[in-house]
Each structure stands twice: as structure tokens, then as C-alpha cells.
Amino acid sequence: MGALVTLAWLTLWAWERSPYGRYLDHGSWTEFGAAGSAGHVHWHGPVLLTALLYIGGWVLMTAAMMLPTTLPLIDVFRRLTRKRVDTGRLVSLVIVGYLAAWLGFGVVAHLLDWGVNAAVRQSPWLGMNGWVMGALVLGVAGAFQFSALKYRCLEQCRSPLSFVLRHWRGGDAQRQALTIGVAHGIYCVGCCWALMLLMFVVGTGSVGWMLLLGAVMAAEKNLPRGRVLAGPLGFALLAGAALVLLQNRVLWPL
């Protein structure tokens, strides 16, 4: 799997710097005005081409950012099935199922991105005050760090052995392998969706931000005391939202 993740990062890096980089970077929700409108020009064009490029970019991004966070589960599953002749195929199905869950979230995120851009086209004020979206996403991501759903999903992600044993019965091996990947992916989405939305604030084509957020999510899910990172990270995100409001004179009289 290391080769797959490395290939995903290298492809993203090359794509970002190519003439087709505009198809990877959807722009930032904080840049809608005259200066930022260029970041959303690429959505004009053939719908099928746009959709295919979006899907390709999203799958690459989730493979690069999120597959490393699920290495413990992949390792547990590989060791559990190591005596089978089809171990490689089963591991591949777990990975496919995991990425499929993130692709489902990507479709929802794409529709949300489309809705935000549609709202901006209808509201000149919002178009000139993109900081509102930045503060909103930072606030939502920060608040979600303290939610019961966050911790419930995080615990599932941090217990790969019990998770695999709960779903693996060895009967219909291929179906169960795919199910393990999808189920784990759903819990991972439940744990990390708000952090992933930050990519729409900083720009979805930024490889640097992908690396940073991927490292944060990997630490939360896999470090021995990773669970305790959720609270400080939540406070930092809420502080970031407050700072954006302060910078735009929202939290004190004009």
C-alpha cells in the first residue's frame, strides 16, 4: 500500500503544477470576490469531463491523505488472512471499500461546493465577504471536535483488531472484505468529515495543506494518546474562527 500512497502524492504534486491544475483546485470558499472568482472558472465546461476530473482528483486526494491513517486496520486484516491464497485480492477489496466510502462523502462535498457557489452568484454581499464561509467552516470543524459522534467514530477507528474481528467471519470472503472497507470508511468519514471540509477553505488543490491535515488525522486515529488531540485541535479551530471574525470587525462595534 505504500507504493499506492506514494504514487497518489506524486500524481497530486505533478497535477497541481501542470496546466490542468485548475481542475484539481476548486478554489477556496473564502475567495469569491473579484480576486477570487478566477478560482472557480474551471467549473465551466463539459459536465462529464468536470465530473470525471473531480472524481479522479478526489480519489487521489483521499488515497494520499486517508489511506495512511488506516494502515493499522489494513495490517491487522492482512495478518488475519495471511494463510489464504487470495490475501492480496482481499486487502485490495478492503482498500476499494474504504475509498468508496470517502468517494460518497466527496459527492456530498461536491454538491455542497456547487450550492455555495450558487449562493454566491445570488448574493453579491456574500461574494465580497468570503471570510464568512471561512469562519463558518472553522467554527463547525472546531465544535465537531467536541461532539459525541466524533468520539464514537474515533474509537472505532482506533480499535482496528476488534473492528475486523467483528466484521470478519470468513464465509463470503470477498463480500466481507469489501464490507470491512466500506464500514471502516464510514466511521472514518464520521470522524474526519469536518476536518476534510477545511480543504474547501484553504483550497482543495493545496498539497501542503493535504499533508498537514492528513498528518493531523493520522495522529488522532493512530498515536497512543491521539484521542486527546481532538480537544486542543477543536479549541484551535474555534480560536481561528473567532480571529477571522475579529479581523472583520464582527466581534466589536464598528
Protein backbone atom coordinates (compact mmCIF):
# COMPACT_ATOMS: atom_id res chain seq x y z
CA MET A 1 0.00 0.00 0.00
CA GLY A 2 2.97 2.28 0.50
CA ALA A 3 3.55 2.34 -3.26
CA LEU A 4 -0.09 3.30 -3.86
CA VAL A 5 0.05 6.18 -1.37
CA THR A 6 3.37 7.41 -2.76
CA LEU A 7 2.01 7.29 -6.30
CA ALA A 8 -1.06 9.26 -5.21
CA TRP A 9 1.10 12.01 -3.64
CA LEU A 10 3.39 12.22 -6.67
CA THR A 11 0.42 12.40 -9.04
CA LEU A 12 -1.19 15.17 -6.97
CA TRP A 13 2.08 17.10 -6.88
CA ALA A 14 2.52 16.82 -10.67
CA TRP A 15 -1.15 17.62 -11.33
CA GLU A 16 -1.04 20.71 -9.14
CA ARG A 17 1.86 22.10 -11.18
CA SER A 18 0.54 21.12 -14.60
CA PRO A 19 -1.61 23.28 -16.93
CA TYR A 20 -4.54 21.17 -15.71
CA GLY A 21 -4.05 22.13 -12.08
CA ARG A 22 -7.21 24.25 -12.21
CA TYR A 23 -9.23 21.03 -12.41
CA LEU A 24 -7.75 19.86 -9.12
CA ASP A 25 -8.06 23.12 -7.20
CA HIS A 26 -11.73 24.02 -6.75
CA GLY A 27 -10.73 27.35 -5.28
CA SER A 28 -11.35 28.50 -1.74
CA TRP A 29 -14.75 29.29 -0.23
CA THR A 30 -13.13 32.42 1.24
CA GLU A 31 -12.23 33.87 -2.19
CA PHE A 32 -15.34 34.72 -4.13
CA GLY A 33 -14.88 38.37 -4.96
CA ALA A 34 -13.20 39.88 -7.99
CA ALA A 35 -9.87 38.49 -6.83
CA GLY A 36 -11.14 35.02 -6.05
CA SER A 37 -13.65 34.39 -8.81
CA ALA A 38 -10.91 33.07 -11.09
CA GLY A 39 -10.50 30.15 -8.72
CA HIS A 40 -13.90 28.83 -9.75
CA VAL A 41 -13.69 29.31 -13.51
CA HIS A 42 -12.86 25.67 -14.14
CA TRP A 43 -16.37 24.56 -13.28
CA HIS A 44 -17.49 25.89 -16.64
CA GLY A 45 -17.18 23.32 -19.41
CA PRO A 46 -18.40 19.81 -20.26
CA VAL A 47 -20.24 18.40 -17.27
CA LEU A 48 -18.97 14.85 -17.81
CA LEU A 49 -15.34 15.97 -18.08
CA THR A 50 -15.67 18.11 -14.96
CA ALA A 51 -17.25 15.23 -13.04
CA LEU A 52 -14.59 12.73 -14.12
CA LEU A 53 -11.75 15.09 -13.24
CA TYR A 54 -13.36 15.84 -9.90
CA ILE A 55 -13.75 12.14 -9.10
CA GLY A 56 -10.18 11.43 -10.14
CA GLY A 57 -8.81 14.28 -8.06
CA TRP A 58 -10.90 13.38 -5.03
CA VAL A 59 -9.92 9.70 -5.12
CA LEU A 60 -6.26 10.68 -5.39
CA MET A 61 -6.61 13.11 -2.51
CA THR A 62 -8.33 10.62 -0.23
CA ALA A 63 -5.86 7.88 -1.18
CA ALA A 64 -2.95 10.17 -0.31
CA MET A 65 -4.43 11.69 2.86
CA MET A 66 -6.62 8.97 4.34
CA LEU A 67 -5.14 5.59 3.38
CA PRO A 68 -2.11 6.16 5.65
CA THR A 69 -4.50 6.74 8.56
CA THR A 70 -5.97 3.27 8.11
CA LEU A 71 -2.67 1.36 7.96
CA PRO A 72 -3.27 -0.37 11.34
CA LEU A 73 -6.55 -1.87 10.11
CA ILE A 74 -5.00 -2.97 6.81
CA ASP A 75 -2.13 -4.57 8.71
CA VAL A 76 -4.49 -6.42 11.07
CA PHE A 77 -6.57 -7.69 8.17
CA ARG A 78 -3.51 -8.79 6.20
CA ARG A 79 -2.16 -10.77 9.16
CA LEU A 80 -5.57 -12.32 9.79
CA THR A 81 -5.82 -13.57 6.20
CA ARG A 82 -2.12 -14.23 5.52
CA LYS A 83 -2.64 -18.00 5.09
CA ARG A 84 -5.17 -17.54 2.31
CA VAL A 85 -4.09 -17.65 -1.33
CA ASP A 86 -6.28 -14.63 -2.11
CA THR A 87 -4.92 -12.33 0.61
CA GLY A 88 -3.82 -9.69 -1.89
CA ARG A 89 -7.24 -9.56 -3.51
CA LEU A 90 -9.00 -9.32 -0.15
CA VAL A 91 -6.75 -6.49 1.04
CA SER A 92 -7.41 -4.69 -2.26
CA LEU A 93 -11.16 -5.02 -1.67
CA VAL A 94 -10.80 -3.51 1.81
CA ILE A 95 -8.98 -0.54 0.25
CA VAL A 96 -11.58 -0.20 -2.52
CA GLY A 97 -14.41 -0.24 0.02
CA TYR A 98 -12.66 2.34 2.17
CA LEU A 99 -12.09 4.70 -0.76
CA ALA A 100 -15.69 4.14 -1.91
CA ALA A 101 -16.97 5.47 1.41
CA TRP A 102 -14.83 8.59 1.01
CA LEU A 103 -15.98 8.95 -2.59
CA GLY A 104 -19.56 9.01 -1.32
CA PHE A 105 -18.64 11.85 1.00
CA GLY A 106 -16.87 13.52 -1.90
CA VAL A 107 -20.10 13.55 -3.91
CA VAL A 108 -21.87 15.26 -1.00
CA ALA A 109 -18.99 17.73 -0.64
CA HIS A 110 -19.13 18.45 -4.38
CA LEU A 111 -22.86 19.19 -4.16
CA LEU A 112 -22.21 21.45 -1.17
CA ASP A 113 -19.47 23.23 -3.11
CA TRP A 114 -21.87 23.70 -6.00
CA GLY A 115 -24.52 25.06 -3.62
CA VAL A 116 -22.09 27.51 -2.03
CA ASN A 117 -21.06 28.83 -5.43
CA ALA A 118 -24.72 29.11 -6.49
CA ALA A 119 -25.47 31.09 -3.32
CA VAL A 120 -22.54 33.39 -4.02
CA ARG A 121 -23.82 34.09 -7.52
CA GLN A 122 -27.16 35.11 -5.99
CA SER A 123 -25.64 37.22 -3.21
CA PRO A 124 -23.13 39.95 -4.13
CA TRP A 125 -22.55 40.61 -0.41
CA LEU A 126 -21.51 37.01 0.22
CA GLY A 127 -19.37 37.14 -2.88
CA MET A 128 -17.41 40.06 -1.46
CA ASN A 129 -17.28 38.65 2.08
CA GLY A 130 -15.93 35.16 1.61
CA TRP A 131 -14.47 35.30 5.12
CA VAL A 132 -17.95 34.40 6.36
CA MET A 133 -17.58 30.91 4.88
CA GLY A 134 -14.10 30.61 6.36
CA ALA A 135 -15.32 31.49 9.85
CA LEU A 136 -18.34 29.18 9.49
CA VAL A 137 -16.32 26.13 8.42
CA LEU A 138 -13.66 26.73 11.09
CA GLY A 139 -16.39 27.08 13.71
CA VAL A 140 -18.22 23.94 12.60
CA ALA A 141 -14.99 21.92 12.45
CA GLY A 142 -13.96 23.18 15.88
CA ALA A 143 -17.32 22.47 17.50
CA PHE A 144 -17.50 19.00 15.95
CA GLN A 145 -14.24 18.07 17.68
CA PHE A 146 -16.18 18.03 20.97
CA SER A 147 -19.21 16.09 19.72
CA ALA A 148 -20.23 12.60 20.85
CA LEU A 149 -20.33 11.46 17.21
CA LYS A 150 -16.70 12.47 16.75
CA TYR A 151 -15.54 10.40 19.71
CA ARG A 152 -17.77 7.44 18.87
CA CYS A 153 -16.37 7.24 15.36
CA LEU A 154 -12.83 7.92 16.55
CA GLU A 155 -12.99 4.97 18.94
CA GLN A 156 -13.99 2.69 16.07
CA CYS A 157 -11.05 3.95 14.03
CA ARG A 158 -8.65 3.45 16.94
CA SER A 159 -9.65 -0.20 17.55
CA PRO A 160 -8.72 -1.99 14.29
CA LEU A 161 -8.43 -5.51 15.74
CA SER A 162 -11.85 -5.56 17.38
CA PHE A 163 -13.33 -3.86 14.31
CA VAL A 164 -12.01 -6.51 11.92
CA LEU A 165 -12.97 -9.41 14.19
CA ARG A 166 -16.49 -8.02 14.48
CA HIS A 167 -16.96 -7.98 10.70
CA TRP A 168 -14.86 -10.92 9.50
CA ARG A 169 -16.44 -14.36 9.55
CA GLY A 170 -14.51 -15.98 6.70
CA GLY A 171 -17.62 -17.05 4.77
CA ASP A 172 -18.14 -14.94 1.67
CA ALA A 173 -14.61 -13.57 1.92
CA GLN A 174 -14.72 -11.02 -0.89
CA ARG A 175 -18.02 -9.53 0.19
CA GLN A 176 -16.89 -9.34 3.82
CA ALA A 177 -13.58 -7.72 2.85
CA LEU A 178 -15.41 -5.08 0.86
CA THR A 179 -17.86 -4.59 3.74
CA ILE A 180 -15.00 -4.09 6.21
CA GLY A 181 -13.54 -1.39 3.96
CA VAL A 182 -16.85 0.40 3.49
CA ALA A 183 -17.81 0.19 7.17
CA HIS A 184 -14.42 1.42 8.33
CA GLY A 185 -14.56 4.18 5.73
CA ILE A 186 -17.96 5.32 7.01
CA TYR A 187 -16.62 5.58 10.56
CA CYS A 188 -13.58 7.41 9.24
CA VAL A 189 -15.81 9.87 7.38
CA GLY A 190 -17.85 10.30 10.56
CA CYS A 191 -14.68 11.10 12.46
CA CYS A 192 -12.93 13.35 9.93
CA TRP A 193 -15.55 14.93 7.63
CA ALA A 194 -15.37 18.35 9.30
CA LEU A 195 -11.58 18.45 9.08
CA MET A 196 -11.78 17.43 5.43
CA LEU A 197 -14.14 20.34 4.73
CA LEU A 198 -11.28 22.63 5.72
CA MET A 199 -9.76 21.77 2.34
CA PHE A 200 -12.56 23.81 0.75
CA VAL A 201 -11.46 26.80 2.83
CA VAL A 202 -7.74 26.62 2.12
CA GLY A 203 -8.14 25.34 -1.45
CA THR A 204 -8.59 21.70 -2.44
CA GLY A 205 -5.53 21.71 -4.69
CA SER A 206 -3.03 22.62 -1.97
CA VAL A 207 -0.72 19.64 -1.49
CA GLY A 208 0.85 21.31 1.55
CA TRP A 209 -2.49 21.54 3.35
CA MET A 210 -3.29 17.96 2.35
CA LEU A 211 -0.07 16.85 4.05
CA LEU A 212 -0.79 18.85 7.20
CA LEU A 213 -4.41 17.77 7.60
CA GLY A 214 -3.56 14.17 6.71
CA ALA A 215 -0.89 14.15 9.42
CA VAL A 216 -3.34 15.58 11.98
CA MET A 217 -5.98 12.95 11.19
CA ALA A 218 -3.39 10.16 11.26
CA ALA A 219 -2.19 11.35 14.68
CA GLU A 220 -5.75 11.46 16.05
CA LYS A 221 -6.51 7.96 14.86
CA ASN A 222 -3.24 6.14 15.49
CA LEU A 223 -1.00 7.73 18.12
CA PRO A 224 -1.23 6.17 21.61
CA ARG A 225 -2.66 9.40 23.03
CA GLY A 226 -4.10 10.63 19.75
CA ARG A 227 -7.61 10.83 21.19
CA VAL A 228 -6.60 13.71 23.48
CA LEU A 229 -5.61 15.79 20.43
CA ALA A 230 -9.26 16.28 19.48
CA GLY A 231 -9.94 18.82 22.24
CA PRO A 232 -6.91 21.11 21.71
CA LEU A 233 -7.46 20.96 17.96
CA GLY A 234 -11.10 21.94 18.47
CA PHE A 235 -10.09 24.94 20.59
CA ALA A 236 -7.54 25.97 17.95
CA LEU A 237 -10.15 25.83 15.19
CA LEU A 238 -12.67 27.80 17.26
CA ALA A 239 -9.97 30.36 18.02
CA GLY A 240 -9.28 30.58 14.29
CA ALA A 241 -12.97 31.25 13.61
CA ALA A 242 -13.00 33.95 16.31
CA LEU A 243 -9.87 35.52 14.83
CA VAL A 244 -11.49 35.70 11.40
CA LEU A 245 -14.50 37.44 12.96
CA LEU A 246 -12.24 39.86 14.84
CA GLN A 247 -10.29 40.69 11.72
CA ASN A 248 -13.54 41.60 10.00
CA ARG A 249 -14.79 43.71 12.92
CA VAL A 250 -17.66 41.38 13.80
CA LEU A 251 -16.90 40.87 17.50
CA TRP A 252 -16.63 44.56 18.37
CA PRO A 253 -18.63 47.66 17.39
CA LEU A 254 -17.77 49.24 14.06
